[in-house]
Amino acid sequence: MMSLLFGCCRLCLVWLCVVVAPSSVQGQDDLTLSNQAANAYEEPLPYTYVSPSELPRSFSWGNIHGRSYLTRTLNQHLPQYCGSCWAHSSMSALADRIKIQRAVRGNSGWNTTTDFLLYGKENKESAAKRRTKATNSRALSLPSEADEINLSVQFLLNCGNLVAGSCRGGSSAGAYQFIKEFGFVPFDTCQSYIACSSDSTEGFCPHVDTSCSPRNICRTCHHGNNQTCRAIEPPWIPNATVHEYGTYHHSNDYWSHYIGTTNGHVSNVTVIMAEIYARGPVKASINALGIVDYEGGILTNQSKYSLNRTHNHGVSLVGWGRQEEGMPYWIIRNSWGQYWGELSFFRLQLGQNLMGIESNIAWATPGPFTGE
């Protein structure tokens, strides 16, 4: 089995980050993760209780009745280059799920909290009819009044290098594993992103301390003549936790045992859609060559590099849409800033595993968090 070491490639002034296994930063490619390393859950997976007929033809967490349940979009390459796509995609998906959880304090007997958000004031019969109506969902998130919690990517770079990764690449499943084992991830208000890790050589990174010290977990700084920073210690650290985490992938036993297109099984696409619909955005892996020059629209199997499925970049799947003529597509959030694509989002034809988008999915469910 081929090993894949850390590495990044530069293409057209854009750097792509390699995704690696969670059990060891210098381990095997993320596609070969074992069940033991990549999954830690007991609760039933959404595809076991959300039937394909319950899934809307179009759905996006960026627009539910005009409200966005997505947290803010970031740029992993500021203030300098850092190949932390794995951390940005995993933390944005987890933060989105916390935002969703904060918005729902009861599901009124619905099968999922999503059903409650969509149809809580209707009966189930009328809701079922609305699911069949296609809408051309766009990637753009609408303003939201809900408070949101953003999680510290820099904390993962400071402390998670042996399990999760660094600015040279990493693993989203490893990020969830590390948070579960460490105990929490702080909010980004007490450990801001500086795009540096211990192996970084870009910009000012060689001159800053990125060790996993108390000050590099959560800190605040003083004004006046004594302009020093001090650590914030527990229990004063605002934080979130991971309850359970896992992966869906085409190459492990769990995936191949349950996923099929005949004999009552459901397709891999339906499994991913059920996970997103029932619990929130997920992290996905892609080959990013096909999105380097992306400016908007729906990428298809005719798009350049779309059939290259070797993973080198992490993104977040937030929903799906459908064109009027019927072609479905994923709605995907990137971490290259809002100057890129459709305000940091892009759309990709669904059901073709283009760029490898459907073959390696990581998810986590939130545990207790500050302000819950």
Foldseek 3Di string as FASTA:
>chain_A
DDWDAFAWDADPNDIFGAEDFQQFNRGHHLQPDAQVRQWDDDDDALCVQQPPLNAAQWDFCLQQPQAHLFDDFAALQPPHQFNLQLLRALQRFQQSLVSLVVVDPDQCPDSFVLCCSRAVPHDPVVVSVVSHDADFDDLDHGYHPGDTFGFASLLCQLEVCGRARHSRYGHNSSVQVVLQVVVWTFTCVFAPDHNEHPPDDPDCRVVDHSHNDQSNRGWDFDDDPRTDIDGDDPPVTFTWGFDIKHKAADPYPVNVVQADDDPPGHHLLSSQSSNCSRRHKWKFFFQCPQQPPAAEDEAEPPGPQQQVQNTGGMWIFGIKHADPVGFIWTKIAGRNALVGHPGRIYIYTPDPCTRVGRGMIMHTRIDDGPPD
